[in-house]
Amino acid sequence: MAAEPKPVAFHKPAEHKVDLSDHEREEIDHWLARYPEDQKRSAVLAALRVVQHEDGYVSTAKMDAVADYLGLPAIAVYEVGSFYSMFELEPVGKHTIAVCNNISCSLRGSAGIIEHLENRLGITLGETTSDGKFYLKKEEECLAACCGAPMMQVNHVYYENLTPERVDEILDGLES
């Protein structure tokens, strides 16, 4: 079983500086173009999503790189990265699974979906499988798809009207 995640300390030695990839800078520039020149802070959320998509999580070093690229104080990026549940600040499994447990999903069986996932994967909420393939997020209060309850996200893709059989199909269809 995986250990309880530790709080992320936004502190590191200078030698851990990293740069954004060309692809990350290109994607961030795409988002920057949507905002006035003096509103670069507006692109932080998108920039962190870009970084996480490429790396699987958002490291402190990458948050520093985003801050440098946007010309912002690092704390402005840390605040966003540590606030939103969509960002993983530590390495996790390749495929991130988040099951909504808000009232609509709960009333339509999300607890059974979570139980099925835990049994199938041999992990509990907040853990990564031993092969590093799957990470089952601790809790997702609402994913805004109430009409399709119960639902889950896998790698930020929505799957609705779930049954245990449908969950198995989705997991079996994922690349290694």
N, C-alpha and C. Protein backbone atom coordinates (compact mmCIF):
# COMPACT_ATOMS: atom_id res chain seq x y z
N MET A 1 0.83 -1.18 0.00
CA MET A 1 0.00 0.00 0.00
C MET A 1 0.87 1.24 0.00
N ALA A 2 0.44 2.22 -0.69
CA ALA A 2 1.20 3.47 -0.77
C ALA A 2 1.04 4.25 0.54
N ALA A 3 2.07 4.98 0.87
CA ALA A 3 2.04 5.81 2.07
C ALA A 3 1.16 7.03 1.84
N GLU A 4 0.69 7.58 2.92
CA GLU A 4 -0.09 8.82 2.86
C GLU A 4 0.76 9.91 2.23
N PRO A 5 0.22 10.67 1.26
CA PRO A 5 1.02 11.73 0.65
C PRO A 5 1.49 12.74 1.67
N LYS A 6 2.70 13.21 1.48
CA LYS A 6 3.26 14.22 2.38
C LYS A 6 2.94 15.60 1.85
N PRO A 7 2.79 16.58 2.74
CA PRO A 7 2.59 17.94 2.25
C PRO A 7 3.78 18.35 1.39
N VAL A 8 3.49 19.07 0.35
CA VAL A 8 4.56 19.49 -0.56
C VAL A 8 5.22 20.74 -0.01
N ALA A 9 6.52 20.68 0.10
CA ALA A 9 7.28 21.84 0.54
C ALA A 9 7.82 22.54 -0.70
N PHE A 10 7.50 23.78 -0.87
CA PHE A 10 7.96 24.54 -2.02
C PHE A 10 9.32 25.13 -1.72
N HIS A 11 10.28 24.26 -1.62
CA HIS A 11 11.62 24.67 -1.30
C HIS A 11 12.56 23.64 -1.91
N LYS A 12 13.57 24.07 -2.58
CA LYS A 12 14.49 23.14 -3.18
C LYS A 12 15.83 23.82 -3.41
N PRO A 13 16.90 23.04 -3.48
CA PRO A 13 18.19 23.62 -3.80
C PRO A 13 18.20 24.16 -5.23
N ALA A 14 18.99 25.18 -5.48
CA ALA A 14 19.04 25.84 -6.78
C ALA A 14 19.41 24.89 -7.91
N GLU A 15 20.17 23.83 -7.64
CA GLU A 15 20.61 22.94 -8.71
C GLU A 15 19.47 22.13 -9.32
N HIS A 16 18.27 22.19 -8.78
CA HIS A 16 17.15 21.46 -9.33
C HIS A 16 16.35 22.28 -10.34
N LYS A 17 16.90 23.32 -10.84
CA LYS A 17 16.21 24.17 -11.82
C LYS A 17 15.99 23.37 -13.10
N VAL A 18 14.79 23.47 -13.65
CA VAL A 18 14.47 22.81 -14.91
C VAL A 18 13.88 23.84 -15.87
N ASP A 19 13.89 23.50 -17.12
CA ASP A 19 13.32 24.37 -18.14
C ASP A 19 12.04 23.74 -18.68
N LEU A 20 11.18 24.56 -19.22
CA LEU A 20 10.01 24.07 -19.92
C LEU A 20 10.44 23.52 -21.28
N SER A 21 9.77 22.50 -21.75
CA SER A 21 10.06 21.95 -23.07
C SER A 21 9.53 22.91 -24.14
N ASP A 22 9.97 22.73 -25.36
CA ASP A 22 9.46 23.54 -26.46
C ASP A 22 7.95 23.39 -26.58
N HIS A 23 7.47 22.16 -26.44
CA HIS A 23 6.03 21.90 -26.53
C HIS A 23 5.27 22.63 -25.42
N GLU A 24 5.80 22.58 -24.20
CA GLU A 24 5.13 23.28 -23.09
C GLU A 24 5.08 24.78 -23.34
N ARG A 25 6.19 25.36 -23.80
CA ARG A 25 6.19 26.80 -24.08
C ARG A 25 5.20 27.15 -25.20
N GLU A 26 5.13 26.32 -26.21
CA GLU A 26 4.20 26.55 -27.32
C GLU A 26 2.74 26.52 -26.83
N GLU A 27 2.42 25.52 -25.99
CA GLU A 27 1.06 25.42 -25.46
C GLU A 27 0.74 26.60 -24.53
N ILE A 28 1.69 26.98 -23.70
CA ILE A 28 1.47 28.12 -22.79
C ILE A 28 1.28 29.39 -23.60
N ASP A 29 2.08 29.57 -24.65
CA ASP A 29 1.92 30.74 -25.52
C ASP A 29 0.52 30.80 -26.14
N HIS A 30 -0.01 29.63 -26.49
CA HIS A 30 -1.37 29.56 -27.04
C HIS A 30 -2.36 30.16 -26.03
N TRP A 31 -2.20 29.81 -24.75
CA TRP A 31 -3.09 30.33 -23.72
C TRP A 31 -2.81 31.80 -23.43
N LEU A 32 -1.55 32.19 -23.44
CA LEU A 32 -1.20 33.59 -23.19
C LEU A 32 -1.86 34.52 -24.22
N ALA A 33 -1.99 34.04 -25.45
CA ALA A 33 -2.56 34.86 -26.53
C ALA A 33 -4.03 35.22 -26.25
N ARG A 34 -4.66 34.54 -25.35
CA ARG A 34 -6.07 34.79 -25.03
C ARG A 34 -6.27 35.95 -24.06
N TYR A 35 -5.18 36.39 -23.43
CA TYR A 35 -5.27 37.40 -22.38
C TYR A 35 -4.48 38.65 -22.74
N PRO A 36 -4.86 39.79 -22.16
CA PRO A 36 -4.07 41.00 -22.38
C PRO A 36 -2.64 40.79 -21.88
N GLU A 37 -1.71 41.47 -22.47
CA GLU A 37 -0.28 41.34 -22.15
C GLU A 37 0.00 41.48 -20.65
N ASP A 38 -0.72 42.36 -19.99
CA ASP A 38 -0.46 42.59 -18.56
C ASP A 38 -1.24 41.63 -17.64
N GLN A 39 -1.85 40.60 -18.20
CA GLN A 39 -2.66 39.64 -17.43
C GLN A 39 -2.12 38.21 -17.54
N LYS A 40 -0.81 38.05 -17.50
CA LYS A 40 -0.21 36.73 -17.65
C LYS A 40 -0.61 35.77 -16.54
N ARG A 41 -0.94 36.31 -15.38
CA ARG A 41 -1.38 35.47 -14.26
C ARG A 41 -2.60 34.64 -14.66
N SER A 42 -3.39 35.15 -15.59
CA SER A 42 -4.59 34.44 -16.03
C SER A 42 -4.27 33.10 -16.70
N ALA A 43 -3.05 32.93 -17.16
CA ALA A 43 -2.67 31.71 -17.87
C ALA A 43 -2.04 30.66 -16.95
N VAL A 44 -1.93 30.93 -15.67
CA VAL A 44 -1.26 29.99 -14.75
C VAL A 44 -1.98 28.64 -14.72
N LEU A 45 -3.28 28.64 -14.59
CA LEU A 45 -4.03 27.40 -14.52
C LEU A 45 -3.78 26.54 -15.76
N ALA A 46 -3.87 27.14 -16.92
CA ALA A 46 -3.63 26.41 -18.17
C ALA A 46 -2.18 25.95 -18.27
N ALA A 47 -1.25 26.79 -17.84
CA ALA A 47 0.17 26.43 -17.91
C ALA A 47 0.46 25.21 -17.03
N LEU A 48 -0.11 25.16 -15.85
CA LEU A 48 0.10 24.02 -14.97
C LEU A 48 -0.54 22.75 -15.55
N ARG A 49 -1.66 22.91 -16.19
CA ARG A 49 -2.30 21.76 -16.84
C ARG A 49 -1.42 21.22 -17.95
N VAL A 50 -0.80 22.10 -18.71
CA VAL A 50 0.12 21.71 -19.78
C VAL A 50 1.28 20.91 -19.19
N VAL A 51 1.87 21.44 -18.15
CA VAL A 51 3.02 20.78 -17.51
C VAL A 51 2.62 19.40 -16.98
N GLN A 52 1.49 19.34 -16.32
CA GLN A 52 1.06 18.06 -15.77
C GLN A 52 0.78 17.05 -16.89
N HIS A 53 0.21 17.51 -17.98
CA HIS A 53 -0.07 16.61 -19.09
C HIS A 53 1.22 16.00 -19.63
N GLU A 54 2.28 16.77 -19.65
CA GLU A 54 3.54 16.26 -20.18
C GLU A 54 4.29 15.40 -19.17
N ASP A 55 4.26 15.77 -17.90
CA ASP A 55 5.07 15.08 -16.88
C ASP A 55 4.29 14.12 -16.00
N GLY A 56 2.97 14.20 -15.99
CA GLY A 56 2.16 13.35 -15.13
C GLY A 56 1.88 13.97 -13.77
N TYR A 57 2.65 14.97 -13.42
CA TYR A 57 2.45 15.71 -12.17
C TYR A 57 3.14 17.06 -12.32
N VAL A 58 2.96 17.93 -11.34
CA VAL A 58 3.55 19.27 -11.38
C VAL A 58 4.57 19.38 -10.26
N SER A 59 5.83 19.35 -10.60
CA SER A 59 6.89 19.46 -9.60
C SER A 59 7.11 20.92 -9.22
N THR A 60 7.73 21.13 -8.09
CA THR A 60 8.08 22.49 -7.68
C THR A 60 8.99 23.13 -8.71
N ALA A 61 9.93 22.35 -9.24
CA ALA A 61 10.85 22.90 -10.25
C ALA A 61 10.09 23.35 -11.50
N LYS A 62 9.07 22.60 -11.90
CA LYS A 62 8.29 23.00 -13.07
C LYS A 62 7.42 24.22 -12.74
N MET A 63 6.93 24.31 -11.50
CA MET A 63 6.18 25.51 -11.12
C MET A 63 7.09 26.73 -11.17
N ASP A 64 8.33 26.56 -10.74
CA ASP A 64 9.31 27.65 -10.83
C ASP A 64 9.54 28.04 -12.29
N ALA A 65 9.63 27.04 -13.16
CA ALA A 65 9.85 27.31 -14.59
C ALA A 65 8.66 28.06 -15.19
N VAL A 66 7.45 27.69 -14.78
CA VAL A 66 6.25 28.40 -15.25
C VAL A 66 6.28 29.84 -14.76
N ALA A 67 6.62 30.03 -13.49
CA ALA A 67 6.69 31.39 -12.93
C ALA A 67 7.72 32.22 -13.70
N ASP A 68 8.89 31.65 -13.96
CA ASP A 68 9.92 32.37 -14.72
C ASP A 68 9.42 32.73 -16.11
N TYR A 69 8.79 31.78 -16.77
CA TYR A 69 8.31 31.99 -18.14
C TYR A 69 7.25 33.07 -18.20
N LEU A 70 6.38 33.09 -17.19
CA LEU A 70 5.30 34.09 -17.18
C LEU A 70 5.72 35.40 -16.53
N GLY A 71 6.91 35.42 -15.95
CA GLY A 71 7.38 36.64 -15.29
C GLY A 71 6.61 36.94 -14.01
N LEU A 72 6.28 35.89 -13.26
CA LEU A 72 5.50 36.04 -12.03
C LEU A 72 6.32 35.56 -10.84
N PRO A 73 5.97 36.00 -9.64
CA PRO A 73 6.61 35.44 -8.46
C PRO A 73 6.21 33.97 -8.33
N ALA A 74 7.12 33.13 -7.87
CA ALA A 74 6.84 31.70 -7.75
C ALA A 74 5.60 31.43 -6.90
N ILE A 75 5.38 32.21 -5.85
CA ILE A 75 4.24 31.98 -4.97
C ILE A 75 2.92 32.09 -5.73
N ALA A 76 2.85 32.92 -6.75
CA ALA A 76 1.62 33.06 -7.54
C ALA A 76 1.28 31.75 -8.26
N VAL A 77 2.30 30.99 -8.62
CA VAL A 77 2.09 29.70 -9.27
C VAL A 77 1.84 28.61 -8.22
N TYR A 78 2.60 28.64 -7.13
CA TYR A 78 2.40 27.66 -6.06
C TYR A 78 0.97 27.70 -5.52
N GLU A 79 0.43 28.90 -5.37
CA GLU A 79 -0.93 29.05 -4.84
C GLU A 79 -1.94 28.31 -5.71
N VAL A 80 -1.79 28.42 -7.00
CA VAL A 80 -2.71 27.76 -7.93
C VAL A 80 -2.46 26.25 -7.91
N GLY A 81 -1.20 25.85 -7.99
CA GLY A 81 -0.87 24.42 -8.04
C GLY A 81 -1.31 23.67 -6.79
N SER A 82 -1.21 24.30 -5.65
CA SER A 82 -1.56 23.60 -4.41
C SER A 82 -3.04 23.72 -4.06
N PHE A 83 -3.77 24.62 -4.71
CA PHE A 83 -5.18 24.81 -4.39
C PHE A 83 -6.10 23.83 -5.11
N TYR A 84 -5.88 23.62 -6.39
CA TYR A 84 -6.81 22.85 -7.21
C TYR A 84 -6.51 21.35 -7.15
N SER A 85 -7.56 20.55 -6.93
CA SER A 85 -7.41 19.11 -6.81
C SER A 85 -7.01 18.45 -8.13
N MET A 86 -7.12 19.15 -9.22
CA MET A 86 -6.75 18.57 -10.52
C MET A 86 -5.25 18.42 -10.68
N PHE A 87 -4.47 19.07 -9.83
CA PHE A 87 -3.02 19.00 -9.95
C PHE A 87 -2.43 18.04 -8.94
N GLU A 88 -1.58 17.17 -9.43
CA GLU A 88 -0.84 16.25 -8.59
C GLU A 88 0.54 16.85 -8.39
N LEU A 89 0.97 16.98 -7.15
CA LEU A 89 2.25 17.61 -6.85
C LEU A 89 3.35 16.59 -6.56
N GLU A 90 3.01 15.33 -6.63
CA GLU A 90 3.95 14.24 -6.45
C GLU A 90 3.70 13.26 -7.60
N PRO A 91 4.70 12.47 -7.97
CA PRO A 91 4.47 11.47 -9.02
C PRO A 91 3.37 10.49 -8.60
N VAL A 92 2.50 10.15 -9.53
CA VAL A 92 1.42 9.20 -9.30
C VAL A 92 1.39 8.23 -10.48
N GLY A 93 0.43 7.32 -10.47
CA GLY A 93 0.30 6.36 -11.55
C GLY A 93 0.07 7.03 -12.90
N LYS A 94 0.34 6.29 -13.96
CA LYS A 94 0.22 6.81 -15.33
C LYS A 94 -1.21 7.26 -15.64
N HIS A 95 -2.19 6.49 -15.20
CA HIS A 95 -3.59 6.82 -15.46
C HIS A 95 -4.26 7.26 -14.16
N THR A 96 -4.70 8.51 -14.12
CA THR A 96 -5.34 9.07 -12.94
C THR A 96 -6.85 8.88 -13.05
N ILE A 97 -7.42 8.25 -12.03
CA ILE A 97 -8.86 7.99 -11.99
C ILE A 97 -9.47 8.80 -10.87
N ALA A 98 -10.50 9.57 -11.20
CA ALA A 98 -11.22 10.37 -10.20
C ALA A 98 -12.70 10.03 -10.32
N VAL A 99 -13.29 9.52 -9.25
CA VAL A 99 -14.71 9.19 -9.24
C VAL A 99 -15.45 10.27 -8.47
N CYS A 100 -16.45 10.85 -9.11
CA CYS A 100 -17.26 11.87 -8.44
C CYS A 100 -18.06 11.22 -7.32
N ASN A 101 -18.10 11.89 -6.17
CA ASN A 101 -18.89 11.35 -5.06
C ASN A 101 -19.88 12.37 -4.52
N ASN A 102 -20.23 13.35 -5.34
CA ASN A 102 -21.21 14.34 -4.91
C ASN A 102 -22.60 13.70 -4.89
N ILE A 103 -23.59 14.46 -4.52
CA ILE A 103 -24.92 13.91 -4.23
C ILE A 103 -25.52 13.14 -5.41
N SER A 104 -25.48 13.67 -6.62
CA SER A 104 -26.08 12.97 -7.76
C SER A 104 -25.38 11.65 -8.01
N CYS A 105 -24.05 11.66 -8.03
CA CYS A 105 -23.30 10.43 -8.27
C CYS A 105 -23.48 9.46 -7.10
N SER A 106 -23.49 10.00 -5.90
CA SER A 106 -23.67 9.16 -4.72
C SER A 106 -25.02 8.44 -4.75
N LEU A 107 -26.06 9.17 -5.07
CA LEU A 107 -27.40 8.57 -5.13
C LEU A 107 -27.51 7.54 -6.24
N ARG A 108 -26.67 7.66 -7.27
CA ARG A 108 -26.74 6.74 -8.41
C ARG A 108 -25.63 5.69 -8.40
N GLY A 109 -24.94 5.53 -7.25
CA GLY A 109 -24.06 4.39 -7.11
C GLY A 109 -22.57 4.61 -7.15
N SER A 110 -22.08 5.81 -6.91
CA SER A 110 -20.63 6.04 -6.99
C SER A 110 -19.86 5.22 -5.95
N ALA A 111 -20.46 4.97 -4.79
CA ALA A 111 -19.77 4.17 -3.77
C ALA A 111 -19.48 2.76 -4.30
N GLY A 112 -20.43 2.19 -5.03
CA GLY A 112 -20.22 0.88 -5.63
C GLY A 112 -19.14 0.90 -6.71
N ILE A 113 -19.07 2.00 -7.45
CA ILE A 113 -18.03 2.14 -8.48
C ILE A 113 -16.66 2.23 -7.81
N ILE A 114 -16.57 3.00 -6.74
CA ILE A 114 -15.30 3.12 -6.01
C ILE A 114 -14.90 1.76 -5.45
N GLU A 115 -15.84 1.07 -4.84
CA GLU A 115 -15.55 -0.26 -4.29
C GLU A 115 -15.07 -1.21 -5.39
N HIS A 116 -15.72 -1.17 -6.53
CA HIS A 116 -15.31 -2.03 -7.66
C HIS A 116 -13.88 -1.69 -8.10
N LEU A 117 -13.58 -0.42 -8.23
CA LEU A 117 -12.23 0.00 -8.63
C LEU A 117 -11.20 -0.45 -7.61
N GLU A 118 -11.49 -0.25 -6.34
CA GLU A 118 -10.54 -0.65 -5.29
C GLU A 118 -10.29 -2.16 -5.34
N ASN A 119 -11.35 -2.95 -5.52
CA ASN A 119 -11.19 -4.40 -5.58
C ASN A 119 -10.43 -4.82 -6.84
N ARG A 120 -10.78 -4.24 -7.95
CA ARG A 120 -10.11 -4.61 -9.21
C ARG A 120 -8.63 -4.24 -9.20
N LEU A 121 -8.33 -3.03 -8.71
CA LEU A 121 -6.96 -2.53 -8.76
C LEU A 121 -6.12 -2.94 -7.55
N GLY A 122 -6.76 -3.38 -6.48
CA GLY A 122 -6.03 -3.78 -5.28
C GLY A 122 -5.44 -2.61 -4.51
N ILE A 123 -6.08 -1.45 -4.64
CA ILE A 123 -5.64 -0.24 -3.93
C ILE A 123 -6.87 0.44 -3.35
N THR A 124 -6.63 1.42 -2.48
CA THR A 124 -7.72 2.24 -1.97
C THR A 124 -7.52 3.67 -2.45
N LEU A 125 -8.51 4.50 -2.21
CA LEU A 125 -8.43 5.90 -2.63
C LEU A 125 -7.13 6.53 -2.15
N GLY A 126 -6.48 7.27 -3.04
CA GLY A 126 -5.23 7.95 -2.71
C GLY A 126 -4.00 7.12 -2.98
N GLU A 127 -4.16 5.95 -3.57
CA GLU A 127 -3.02 5.07 -3.80
C GLU A 127 -2.78 4.83 -5.28
N THR A 128 -1.56 4.37 -5.57
CA THR A 128 -1.13 4.00 -6.92
C THR A 128 -0.89 2.49 -6.94
N THR A 129 -1.26 1.84 -8.04
CA THR A 129 -1.00 0.40 -8.14
C THR A 129 0.50 0.14 -8.13
N SER A 130 0.88 -1.05 -7.70
CA SER A 130 2.31 -1.37 -7.55
C SER A 130 3.05 -1.31 -8.88
N ASP A 131 2.34 -1.51 -10.00
CA ASP A 131 2.99 -1.42 -11.31
C ASP A 131 3.04 0.01 -11.83
N GLY A 132 2.48 0.97 -11.07
CA GLY A 132 2.51 2.37 -11.46
C GLY A 132 1.53 2.73 -12.57
N LYS A 133 0.63 1.82 -12.91
CA LYS A 133 -0.28 2.08 -14.03
C LYS A 133 -1.47 2.96 -13.64
N PHE A 134 -2.03 2.76 -12.44
CA PHE A 134 -3.24 3.47 -12.06
C PHE A 134 -3.07 4.20 -10.73
N TYR A 135 -3.65 5.39 -10.66
CA TYR A 135 -3.73 6.18 -9.44
C TYR A 135 -5.19 6.49 -9.20
N LEU A 136 -5.71 6.15 -8.04
CA LEU A 136 -7.10 6.39 -7.68
C LEU A 136 -7.14 7.58 -6.73
N LYS A 137 -7.58 8.73 -7.25
CA LYS A 137 -7.59 9.95 -6.44
C LYS A 137 -8.44 9.77 -5.19
N LYS A 138 -8.04 10.50 -4.14
CA LYS A 138 -8.72 10.38 -2.84
C LYS A 138 -10.19 10.72 -2.92
N GLU A 139 -10.51 11.86 -3.42
CA GLU A 139 -11.89 12.30 -3.41
C GLU A 139 -12.07 13.36 -4.48
N GLU A 140 -13.18 13.28 -5.12
CA GLU A 140 -13.51 14.31 -6.10
C GLU A 140 -14.94 14.72 -5.80
N GLU A 141 -15.10 15.90 -5.21
CA GLU A 141 -16.39 16.33 -4.70
C GLU A 141 -17.43 16.50 -5.81
N CYS A 142 -17.06 17.11 -6.91
CA CYS A 142 -18.00 17.30 -8.01
C CYS A 142 -17.23 17.48 -9.29
N LEU A 143 -17.62 16.72 -10.31
CA LEU A 143 -16.97 16.85 -11.62
C LEU A 143 -17.93 17.43 -12.65
N ALA A 144 -19.06 17.94 -12.19
CA ALA A 144 -20.00 18.70 -13.02
C ALA A 144 -20.57 17.91 -14.19
N ALA A 145 -20.96 16.67 -13.92
CA ALA A 145 -21.62 15.85 -14.94
C ALA A 145 -22.78 15.10 -14.28
N CYS A 146 -23.58 15.83 -13.53
CA CYS A 146 -24.64 15.22 -12.72
C CYS A 146 -25.64 14.43 -13.56
N CYS A 147 -25.92 14.85 -14.77
CA CYS A 147 -26.89 14.15 -15.61
C CYS A 147 -26.40 12.77 -16.02
N GLY A 148 -25.10 12.54 -15.96
CA GLY A 148 -24.52 11.26 -16.35
C GLY A 148 -24.05 10.44 -15.17
N ALA A 149 -24.56 10.70 -14.00
CA ALA A 149 -24.11 10.01 -12.78
C ALA A 149 -24.47 8.52 -12.84
N PRO A 150 -23.62 7.69 -12.20
CA PRO A 150 -22.32 8.00 -11.64
C PRO A 150 -21.28 8.15 -12.74
N MET A 151 -20.27 8.95 -12.47
CA MET A 151 -19.27 9.24 -13.48
C MET A 151 -17.89 9.29 -12.88
N MET A 152 -16.90 9.20 -13.78
CA MET A 152 -15.50 9.32 -13.36
C MET A 152 -14.73 9.97 -14.50
N GLN A 153 -13.56 10.47 -14.14
CA GLN A 153 -12.59 10.96 -15.11
C GLN A 153 -11.41 10.00 -15.10
N VAL A 154 -10.91 9.69 -16.27
CA VAL A 154 -9.65 8.98 -16.38
C VAL A 154 -8.77 9.85 -17.27
N ASN A 155 -7.69 10.34 -16.70
CA ASN A 155 -6.79 11.25 -17.42
C ASN A 155 -7.56 12.45 -17.97
N HIS A 156 -8.48 12.98 -17.19
CA HIS A 156 -9.29 14.16 -17.51
C HIS A 156 -10.31 13.93 -18.62
N VAL A 157 -10.59 12.67 -18.97
CA VAL A 157 -11.65 12.34 -19.93
C VAL A 157 -12.84 11.83 -19.13
N TYR A 158 -14.02 12.37 -19.43
CA TYR A 158 -15.23 12.01 -18.69
C TYR A 158 -15.82 10.69 -19.20
N TYR A 159 -16.29 9.87 -18.26
CA TYR A 159 -17.03 8.65 -18.54
C TYR A 159 -18.25 8.68 -17.63
N GLU A 160 -19.42 8.56 -18.23
CA GLU A 160 -20.67 8.72 -17.49
C GLU A 160 -21.51 7.45 -17.51
N ASN A 161 -22.57 7.46 -16.68
CA ASN A 161 -23.52 6.35 -16.58
C ASN A 161 -22.79 5.02 -16.35
N LEU A 162 -21.91 5.03 -15.36
CA LEU A 162 -21.04 3.89 -15.12
C LEU A 162 -21.74 2.70 -14.47
N THR A 163 -21.26 1.54 -14.84
CA THR A 163 -21.57 0.28 -14.18
C THR A 163 -20.21 -0.39 -13.95
N PRO A 164 -20.13 -1.38 -13.08
CA PRO A 164 -18.85 -2.07 -12.93
C PRO A 164 -18.33 -2.64 -14.25
N GLU A 165 -19.24 -3.14 -15.08
CA GLU A 165 -18.83 -3.70 -16.38
C GLU A 165 -18.26 -2.61 -17.29
N ARG A 166 -18.88 -1.45 -17.29
CA ARG A 166 -18.40 -0.32 -18.11
C ARG A 166 -17.03 0.14 -17.59
N VAL A 167 -16.84 0.18 -16.29
CA VAL A 167 -15.54 0.55 -15.71
C VAL A 167 -14.47 -0.41 -16.20
N ASP A 168 -14.77 -1.72 -16.18
CA ASP A 168 -13.80 -2.71 -16.66
C ASP A 168 -13.44 -2.49 -18.13
N GLU A 169 -14.43 -2.18 -18.95
CA GLU A 169 -14.18 -1.90 -20.37
C GLU A 169 -13.25 -0.71 -20.54
N ILE A 170 -13.49 0.34 -19.77
CA ILE A 170 -12.68 1.55 -19.85
C ILE A 170 -11.25 1.25 -19.45
N LEU A 171 -11.06 0.58 -18.32
CA LEU A 171 -9.72 0.26 -17.85
C LEU A 171 -9.00 -0.69 -18.82
N ASP A 172 -9.71 -1.67 -19.33
CA ASP A 172 -9.10 -2.61 -20.28
C ASP A 172 -8.69 -1.93 -21.58
N GLY A 173 -9.33 -0.82 -21.92
CA GLY A 173 -9.04 -0.11 -23.15
C GLY A 173 -7.87 0.87 -23.06
N LEU A 174 -7.33 1.06 -21.87
CA LEU A 174 -6.22 2.00 -21.70
C LEU A 174 -4.91 1.36 -22.12
N GLU A 175 -4.05 2.17 -22.73
CA GLU A 175 -2.70 1.71 -23.06
C GLU A 175 -1.95 1.42 -21.78
N SER A 176 -0.91 0.61 -21.87
CA SER A 176 -0.08 0.30 -20.69
C SER A 176 0.52 1.52 -20.10
